[in-house]
Amino acid sequence: MAKNHQTENPLFKALIRQSEADIATAFASLVVYFDNPSSDGAIIKSMQCQLDKIATAEKRVDTLNRHFNNTQI
């Protein structure tokens, strides 16, 4: 069983930071798409892919915090 309060563990921090980097990268890509619209139909699929990356990374952060950031104990 994992120890409580893993937030100071370097591996926990690495997982959180990687997820935050994934969010920032996908967000930046979406900003570029929004600021430079194209009539290319493939742009929507590309934007959906970036949005999925954000959703996945946010879910990872939530899961890590829910299971390994137990501040109730």
PDB file of N, CA and C in Angstrom:
ATOM      1  N   MET A   1       0.845  -1.184   0.000  1.00  0.00           N
ATOM      2  CA  MET A   1       0.000   0.000   0.000  1.00  0.00           C
ATOM      3  C   MET A   1       0.883   1.237   0.000  1.00  0.00           C
ATOM      4  N   ALA A   2       0.487   2.224  -0.735  1.00  0.00           N
ATOM      5  CA  ALA A   2       1.269   3.455  -0.821  1.00  0.00           C
ATOM      6  C   ALA A   2       1.174   4.240   0.479  1.00  0.00           C
ATOM      7  N   LYS A   3       2.250   4.894   0.790  1.00  0.00           N
ATOM      8  CA  LYS A   3       2.255   5.758   1.967  1.00  0.00           C
ATOM      9  C   LYS A   3       1.396   6.981   1.685  1.00  0.00           C
ATOM     10  N   ASN A   4       0.883   7.555   2.738  1.00  0.00           N
ATOM     11  CA  ASN A   4       0.114   8.784   2.597  1.00  0.00           C
ATOM     12  C   ASN A   4       1.059   9.951   2.358  1.00  0.00           C
ATOM     13  N   HIS A   5       0.534  11.002   1.839  1.00  0.00           N
ATOM     14  CA  HIS A   5       1.280  12.238   1.613  1.00  0.00           C
ATOM     15  C   HIS A   5       2.455  12.019   0.660  1.00  0.00           C
ATOM     16  N   GLN A   6       2.196  11.443  -0.477  1.00  0.00           N
ATOM     17  CA  GLN A   6       3.233  11.186  -1.473  1.00  0.00           C
ATOM     18  C   GLN A   6       3.621  12.445  -2.248  1.00  0.00           C
ATOM     19  N   THR A   7       3.028  13.573  -1.924  1.00  0.00           N
ATOM     20  CA  THR A   7       3.261  14.780  -2.711  1.00  0.00           C
ATOM     21  C   THR A   7       4.708  15.239  -2.710  1.00  0.00           C
ATOM     22  N   GLU A   8       5.488  14.825  -1.742  1.00  0.00           N
ATOM     23  CA  GLU A   8       6.905  15.203  -1.717  1.00  0.00           C
ATOM     24  C   GLU A   8       7.793  14.170  -2.406  1.00  0.00           C
ATOM     25  N   ASN A   9       7.226  13.067  -2.811  1.00  0.00           N
ATOM     26  CA  ASN A   9       7.974  12.023  -3.496  1.00  0.00           C
ATOM     27  C   ASN A   9       8.352  12.514  -4.895  1.00  0.00           C
ATOM     28  N   PRO A  10       9.629  12.398  -5.284  1.00  0.00           N
ATOM     29  CA  PRO A  10      10.058  12.869  -6.604  1.00  0.00           C
ATOM     30  C   PRO A  10       9.305  12.218  -7.766  1.00  0.00           C
ATOM     31  N   LEU A  11       8.917  10.970  -7.621  1.00  0.00           N
ATOM     32  CA  LEU A  11       8.167  10.311  -8.692  1.00  0.00           C
ATOM     33  C   LEU A  11       6.752  10.871  -8.810  1.00  0.00           C
ATOM     34  N   PHE A  12       6.130  11.154  -7.668  1.00  0.00           N
ATOM     35  CA  PHE A  12       4.808  11.790  -7.676  1.00  0.00           C
ATOM     36  C   PHE A  12       4.900  13.145  -8.373  1.00  0.00           C
ATOM     37  N   LYS A  13       5.904  13.929  -7.979  1.00  0.00           N
ATOM     38  CA  LYS A  13       6.099  15.249  -8.583  1.00  0.00           C
ATOM     39  C   LYS A  13       6.336  15.141 -10.088  1.00  0.00           C
ATOM     40  N   ALA A  14       7.118  14.151 -10.500  1.00  0.00           N
ATOM     41  CA  ALA A  14       7.401  13.973 -11.924  1.00  0.00           C
ATOM     42  C   ALA A  14       6.127  13.664 -12.707  1.00  0.00           C
ATOM     43  N   LEU A  15       5.283  12.801 -12.151  1.00  0.00           N
ATOM     44  CA  LEU A  15       4.024  12.470 -12.822  1.00  0.00           C
ATOM     45  C   LEU A  15       3.114  13.690 -12.934  1.00  0.00           C
ATOM     46  N   ILE A  16       3.027  14.458 -11.865  1.00  0.00           N
ATOM     47  CA  ILE A  16       2.204  15.676 -11.891  1.00  0.00           C
ATOM     48  C   ILE A  16       2.751  16.665 -12.912  1.00  0.00           C
ATOM     49  N   ARG A  17       4.054  16.887 -12.870  1.00  0.00           N
ATOM     50  CA  ARG A  17       4.663  17.864 -13.785  1.00  0.00           C
ATOM     51  C   ARG A  17       4.551  17.434 -15.239  1.00  0.00           C
ATOM     52  N   GLN A  18       4.680  16.147 -15.501  1.00  0.00           N
ATOM     53  CA  GLN A  18       4.521  15.659 -16.873  1.00  0.00           C
ATOM     54  C   GLN A  18       3.099  15.911 -17.360  1.00  0.00           C
ATOM     55  N   SER A  19       2.139  15.673 -16.501  1.00  0.00           N
ATOM     56  CA  SER A  19       0.743  15.927 -16.864  1.00  0.00           C
ATOM     57  C   SER A  19       0.508  17.413 -17.094  1.00  0.00           C
ATOM     58  N   GLU A  20       1.080  18.253 -16.243  1.00  0.00           N
ATOM     59  CA  GLU A  20       0.948  19.700 -16.419  1.00  0.00           C
ATOM     60  C   GLU A  20       1.591  20.156 -17.725  1.00  0.00           C
ATOM     61  N   ALA A  21       2.714  19.553 -18.075  1.00  0.00           N
ATOM     62  CA  ALA A  21       3.371  19.884 -19.341  1.00  0.00           C
ATOM     63  C   ALA A  21       2.508  19.454 -20.525  1.00  0.00           C
ATOM     64  N   ASP A  22       1.892  18.294 -20.418  1.00  0.00           N
ATOM     65  CA  ASP A  22       0.994  17.826 -21.476  1.00  0.00           C
ATOM     66  C   ASP A  22      -0.177  18.789 -21.656  1.00  0.00           C
ATOM     67  N   ILE A  23      -0.722  19.266 -20.547  1.00  0.00           N
ATOM     68  CA  ILE A  23      -1.830  20.226 -20.602  1.00  0.00           C
ATOM     69  C   ILE A  23      -1.378  21.517 -21.264  1.00  0.00           C
ATOM     70  N   ALA A  24      -0.239  22.040 -20.844  1.00  0.00           N
ATOM     71  CA  ALA A  24       0.261  23.302 -21.384  1.00  0.00           C
ATOM     72  C   ALA A  24       0.555  23.198 -22.879  1.00  0.00           C
ATOM     73  N   THR A  25       1.124  22.095 -23.294  1.00  0.00           N
ATOM     74  CA  THR A  25       1.453  21.906 -24.710  1.00  0.00           C
ATOM     75  C   THR A  25       0.191  21.832 -25.565  1.00  0.00           C
ATOM     76  N   ALA A  26      -0.771  21.052 -25.125  1.00  0.00           N
ATOM     77  CA  ALA A  26      -2.020  20.927 -25.872  1.00  0.00           C
ATOM     78  C   ALA A  26      -2.790  22.246 -25.877  1.00  0.00           C
ATOM     79  N   PHE A  27      -2.773  22.948 -24.755  1.00  0.00           N
ATOM     80  CA  PHE A  27      -3.446  24.246 -24.669  1.00  0.00           C
ATOM     81  C   PHE A  27      -2.827  25.228 -25.663  1.00  0.00           C
ATOM     82  N   ALA A  28      -1.500  25.261 -25.709  1.00  0.00           N
ATOM     83  CA  ALA A  28      -0.810  26.163 -26.636  1.00  0.00           C
ATOM     84  C   ALA A  28      -1.171  25.835 -28.085  1.00  0.00           C
ATOM     85  N   SER A  29      -1.259  24.565 -28.390  1.00  0.00           N
ATOM     86  CA  SER A  29      -1.647  24.161 -29.746  1.00  0.00           C
ATOM     87  C   SER A  29      -3.060  24.630 -30.073  1.00  0.00           C
ATOM     88  N   LEU A  30      -3.968  24.498 -29.115  1.00  0.00           N
ATOM     89  CA  LEU A  30      -5.342  24.954 -29.347  1.00  0.00           C
ATOM     90  C   LEU A  30      -5.403  26.463 -29.549  1.00  0.00           C
ATOM     91  N   VAL A  31      -4.615  27.204 -28.799  1.00  0.00           N
ATOM     92  CA  VAL A  31      -4.581  28.658 -28.971  1.00  0.00           C
ATOM     93  C   VAL A  31      -4.142  29.005 -30.392  1.00  0.00           C
ATOM     94  N   VAL A  32      -3.129  28.310 -30.884  1.00  0.00           N
ATOM     95  CA  VAL A  32      -2.659  28.548 -32.255  1.00  0.00           C
ATOM     96  C   VAL A  32      -3.774  28.247 -33.251  1.00  0.00           C
ATOM     97  N   TYR A  33      -4.466  27.129 -33.057  1.00  0.00           N
ATOM     98  CA  TYR A  33      -5.569  26.791 -33.957  1.00  0.00           C
ATOM     99  C   TYR A  33      -6.671  27.849 -33.917  1.00  0.00           C
ATOM    100  N   PHE A  34      -7.032  28.300 -32.718  1.00  0.00           N
ATOM    101  CA  PHE A  34      -8.087  29.309 -32.601  1.00  0.00           C
ATOM    102  C   PHE A  34      -7.662  30.646 -33.206  1.00  0.00           C
ATOM    103  N   ASP A  35      -6.404  31.001 -33.034  1.00  0.00           N
ATOM    104  CA  ASP A  35      -5.923  32.287 -33.539  1.00  0.00           C
ATOM    105  C   ASP A  35      -5.656  32.281 -35.036  1.00  0.00           C
ATOM    106  N   ASN A  36      -5.491  31.100 -35.606  1.00  0.00           N
ATOM    107  CA  ASN A  36      -5.198  30.975 -37.034  1.00  0.00           C
ATOM    108  C   ASN A  36      -6.126  29.938 -37.662  1.00  0.00           C
ATOM    109  N   PRO A  37      -7.403  30.283 -37.760  1.00  0.00           N
ATOM    110  CA  PRO A  37      -8.360  29.307 -38.281  1.00  0.00           C
ATOM    111  C   PRO A  37      -8.041  28.920 -39.726  1.00  0.00           C
ATOM    112  N   SER A  38      -8.377  27.704 -40.047  1.00  0.00           N
ATOM    113  CA  SER A  38      -8.137  27.172 -41.381  1.00  0.00           C
ATOM    114  C   SER A  38      -9.428  26.567 -41.900  1.00  0.00           C
ATOM    115  N   SER A  39      -9.558  26.573 -43.198  1.00  0.00           N
ATOM    116  CA  SER A  39     -10.755  25.955 -43.779  1.00  0.00           C
ATOM    117  C   SER A  39     -10.564  24.453 -43.979  1.00  0.00           C
ATOM    118  N   ASP A  40      -9.413  23.966 -43.598  1.00  0.00           N
ATOM    119  CA  ASP A  40      -9.109  22.538 -43.716  1.00  0.00           C
ATOM    120  C   ASP A  40      -9.968  21.746 -42.733  1.00  0.00           C
ATOM    121  N   GLY A  41     -10.673  20.756 -43.220  1.00  0.00           N
ATOM    122  CA  GLY A  41     -11.548  19.948 -42.369  1.00  0.00           C
ATOM    123  C   GLY A  41     -10.801  19.137 -41.328  1.00  0.00           C
ATOM    124  N   ALA A  42      -9.535  18.866 -41.569  1.00  0.00           N
ATOM    125  CA  ALA A  42      -8.747  18.065 -40.626  1.00  0.00           C
ATOM    126  C   ALA A  42      -8.429  18.835 -39.353  1.00  0.00           C
ATOM    127  N   ILE A  43      -8.613  20.131 -39.388  1.00  0.00           N
ATOM    128  CA  ILE A  43      -8.270  20.951 -38.215  1.00  0.00           C
ATOM    129  C   ILE A  43      -9.132  20.576 -37.015  1.00  0.00           C
ATOM    130  N   ILE A  44     -10.391  20.251 -37.251  1.00  0.00           N
ATOM    131  CA  ILE A  44     -11.284  19.878 -36.148  1.00  0.00           C
ATOM    132  C   ILE A  44     -10.780  18.615 -35.467  1.00  0.00           C
ATOM    133  N   LYS A  45     -10.361  17.632 -36.246  1.00  0.00           N
ATOM    134  CA  LYS A  45      -9.830  16.400 -35.651  1.00  0.00           C
ATOM    135  C   LYS A  45      -8.564  16.690 -34.860  1.00  0.00           C
ATOM    136  N   SER A  46      -7.725  17.566 -35.382  1.00  0.00           N
ATOM    137  CA  SER A  46      -6.500  17.933 -34.665  1.00  0.00           C
ATOM    138  C   SER A  46      -6.826  18.638 -33.357  1.00  0.00           C
ATOM    139  N   MET A  47      -7.824  19.512 -33.398  1.00  0.00           N
ATOM    140  CA  MET A  47      -8.227  20.224 -32.187  1.00  0.00           C
ATOM    141  C   MET A  47      -8.837  19.259 -31.170  1.00  0.00           C
ATOM    142  N   GLN A  48      -9.636  18.316 -31.644  1.00  0.00           N
ATOM    143  CA  GLN A  48     -10.215  17.318 -30.740  1.00  0.00           C
ATOM    144  C   GLN A  48      -9.119  16.481 -30.091  1.00  0.00           C
ATOM    145  N   CYS A  49      -8.096  16.173 -30.843  1.00  0.00           N
ATOM    146  CA  CYS A  49      -6.970  15.404 -30.304  1.00  0.00           C
ATOM    147  C   CYS A  49      -6.285  16.184 -29.180  1.00  0.00           C
ATOM    148  N   GLN A  50      -6.083  17.480 -29.376  1.00  0.00           N
ATOM    149  CA  GLN A  50      -5.458  18.306 -28.344  1.00  0.00           C
ATOM    150  C   GLN A  50      -6.353  18.404 -27.112  1.00  0.00           C
ATOM    151  N   LEU A  51      -7.644  18.533 -27.340  1.00  0.00           N
ATOM    152  CA  LEU A  51      -8.593  18.586 -26.224  1.00  0.00           C
ATOM    153  C   LEU A  51      -8.598  17.269 -25.447  1.00  0.00           C
ATOM    154  N   ASP A  52      -8.517  16.160 -26.156  1.00  0.00           N
ATOM    155  CA  ASP A  52      -8.435  14.850 -25.498  1.00  0.00           C
ATOM    156  C   ASP A  52      -7.168  14.731 -24.659  1.00  0.00           C
ATOM    157  N   LYS A  53      -6.076  15.287 -25.144  1.00  0.00           N
ATOM    158  CA  LYS A  53      -4.820  15.265 -24.381  1.00  0.00           C
ATOM    159  C   LYS A  53      -4.973  16.034 -23.070  1.00  0.00           C
ATOM    160  N   ILE A  54      -5.652  17.184 -23.135  1.00  0.00           N
ATOM    161  CA  ILE A  54      -5.886  17.969 -21.918  1.00  0.00           C
ATOM    162  C   ILE A  54      -6.754  17.177 -20.945  1.00  0.00           C
ATOM    163  N   ALA A  55      -7.840  16.605 -21.447  1.00  0.00           N
ATOM    164  CA  ALA A  55      -8.756  15.849 -20.583  1.00  0.00           C
ATOM    165  C   ALA A  55      -8.052  14.661 -19.932  1.00  0.00           C
ATOM    166  N   THR A  56      -7.243  13.961 -20.688  1.00  0.00           N
ATOM    167  CA  THR A  56      -6.517  12.805 -20.153  1.00  0.00           C
ATOM    168  C   THR A  56      -5.531  13.230 -19.075  1.00  0.00           C
ATOM    169  N   ALA A  57      -4.787  14.290 -19.339  1.00  0.00           N
ATOM    170  CA  ALA A  57      -3.799  14.761 -18.365  1.00  0.00           C
ATOM    171  C   ALA A  57      -4.478  15.272 -17.096  1.00  0.00           C
ATOM    172  N   GLU A  58      -5.602  15.981 -17.248  1.00  0.00           N
ATOM    173  CA  GLU A  58      -6.336  16.447 -16.071  1.00  0.00           C
ATOM    174  C   GLU A  58      -6.847  15.265 -15.249  1.00  0.00           C
ATOM    175  N   LYS A  59      -7.296  14.227 -15.920  1.00  0.00           N
ATOM    176  CA  LYS A  59      -7.773  13.036 -15.211  1.00  0.00           C
ATOM    177  C   LYS A  59      -6.626  12.374 -14.452  1.00  0.00           C
ATOM    178  N   ARG A  60      -5.428  12.349 -15.064  1.00  0.00           N
ATOM    179  CA  ARG A  60      -4.261  11.787 -14.379  1.00  0.00           C
ATOM    180  C   ARG A  60      -3.963  12.562 -13.104  1.00  0.00           C
ATOM    181  N   VAL A  61      -3.968  13.890 -13.191  1.00  0.00           N
ATOM    182  CA  VAL A  61      -3.693  14.723 -12.015  1.00  0.00           C
ATOM    183  C   VAL A  61      -4.739  14.466 -10.938  1.00  0.00           C
ATOM    184  N   ASP A  62      -6.001  14.445 -11.320  1.00  0.00           N
ATOM    185  CA  ASP A  62      -7.079  14.184 -10.355  1.00  0.00           C
ATOM    186  C   ASP A  62      -6.914  12.821  -9.687  1.00  0.00           C
ATOM    187  N   THR A  63      -6.581  11.820 -10.474  1.00  0.00           N
ATOM    188  CA  THR A  63      -6.408  10.468  -9.938  1.00  0.00           C
ATOM    189  C   THR A  63      -5.236  10.404  -8.970  1.00  0.00           C
ATOM    190  N   LEU A  64      -4.122  11.003  -9.339  1.00  0.00           N
ATOM    191  CA  LEU A  64      -2.964  11.032  -8.439  1.00  0.00           C
ATOM    192  C   LEU A  64      -3.313  11.717  -7.128  1.00  0.00           C
ATOM    193  N   ASN A  65      -3.972  12.856  -7.221  1.00  0.00           N
ATOM    194  CA  ASN A  65      -4.329  13.585  -6.004  1.00  0.00           C
ATOM    195  C   ASN A  65      -5.347  12.827  -5.162  1.00  0.00           C
ATOM    196  N   ARG A  66      -6.285  12.160  -5.795  1.00  0.00           N
ATOM    197  CA  ARG A  66      -7.307  11.421  -5.064  1.00  0.00           C
ATOM    198  C   ARG A  66      -6.710  10.230  -4.310  1.00  0.00           C
ATOM    199  N   HIS A  67      -5.762   9.552  -4.924  1.00  0.00           N
ATOM    200  CA  HIS A  67      -5.257   8.312  -4.332  1.00  0.00           C
ATOM    201  C   HIS A  67      -3.947   8.456  -3.563  1.00  0.00           C
ATOM    202  N   PHE A  68      -3.174   9.496  -3.845  1.00  0.00           N
ATOM    203  CA  PHE A  68      -1.852   9.594  -3.228  1.00  0.00           C
ATOM    204  C   PHE A  68      -1.598  10.905  -2.497  1.00  0.00           C
ATOM    205  N   ASN A  69      -2.576  11.774  -2.447  1.00  0.00           N
ATOM    206  CA  ASN A  69      -2.437  13.037  -1.739  1.00  0.00           C
ATOM    207  C   ASN A  69      -3.463  13.069  -0.620  1.00  0.00           C
ATOM    208  N   ASN A  70      -3.394  12.084   0.243  1.00  0.00           N
ATOM    209  CA  ASN A  70      -4.375  11.927   1.309  1.00  0.00           C
ATOM    210  C   ASN A  70      -4.003  12.829   2.482  1.00  0.00           C
ATOM    211  N   THR A  71      -4.631  13.974   2.550  1.00  0.00           N
ATOM    212  CA  THR A  71      -4.341  14.910   3.637  1.00  0.00           C
ATOM    213  C   THR A  71      -5.321  14.752   4.791  1.00  0.00           C
ATOM    214  N   GLN A  72      -6.215  13.786   4.707  1.00  0.00           N
ATOM    215  CA  GLN A  72      -7.197  13.576   5.768  1.00  0.00           C
ATOM    216  C   GLN A  72      -6.625  12.810   6.950  1.00  0.00           C
ATOM    217  N   ILE A  73      -5.498  12.141   6.744  1.00  0.00           N
ATOM    218  CA  ILE A  73      -4.931  11.296   7.805  1.00  0.00           C
ATOM    219  C   ILE A  73      -3.870  12.053   8.568  1.00  0.00           C
TER     220      ILE A  73
END
